[in-house]
């Protein structure tokens, strides 16, 4: 599992979601749904950082 690649792809999704939120300022459903997507992506970012930390601990042994 390549954590760096996963993190990079999550960041790409974050950027896309942010762009969609800006486009959706006059489209409430788009804005609300991309805001929810953004919250889910935040959880993925947290999870990936946890795995990266665990991998770092394993490599240090």
Foldseek 3Di string as FASTA:
>chain_A
DDLVVVLVVLVVLLVVLVVQLVVCPVPVVSNVVSVVVNVVSVVVNVVSVVVVVVVVVVVVD
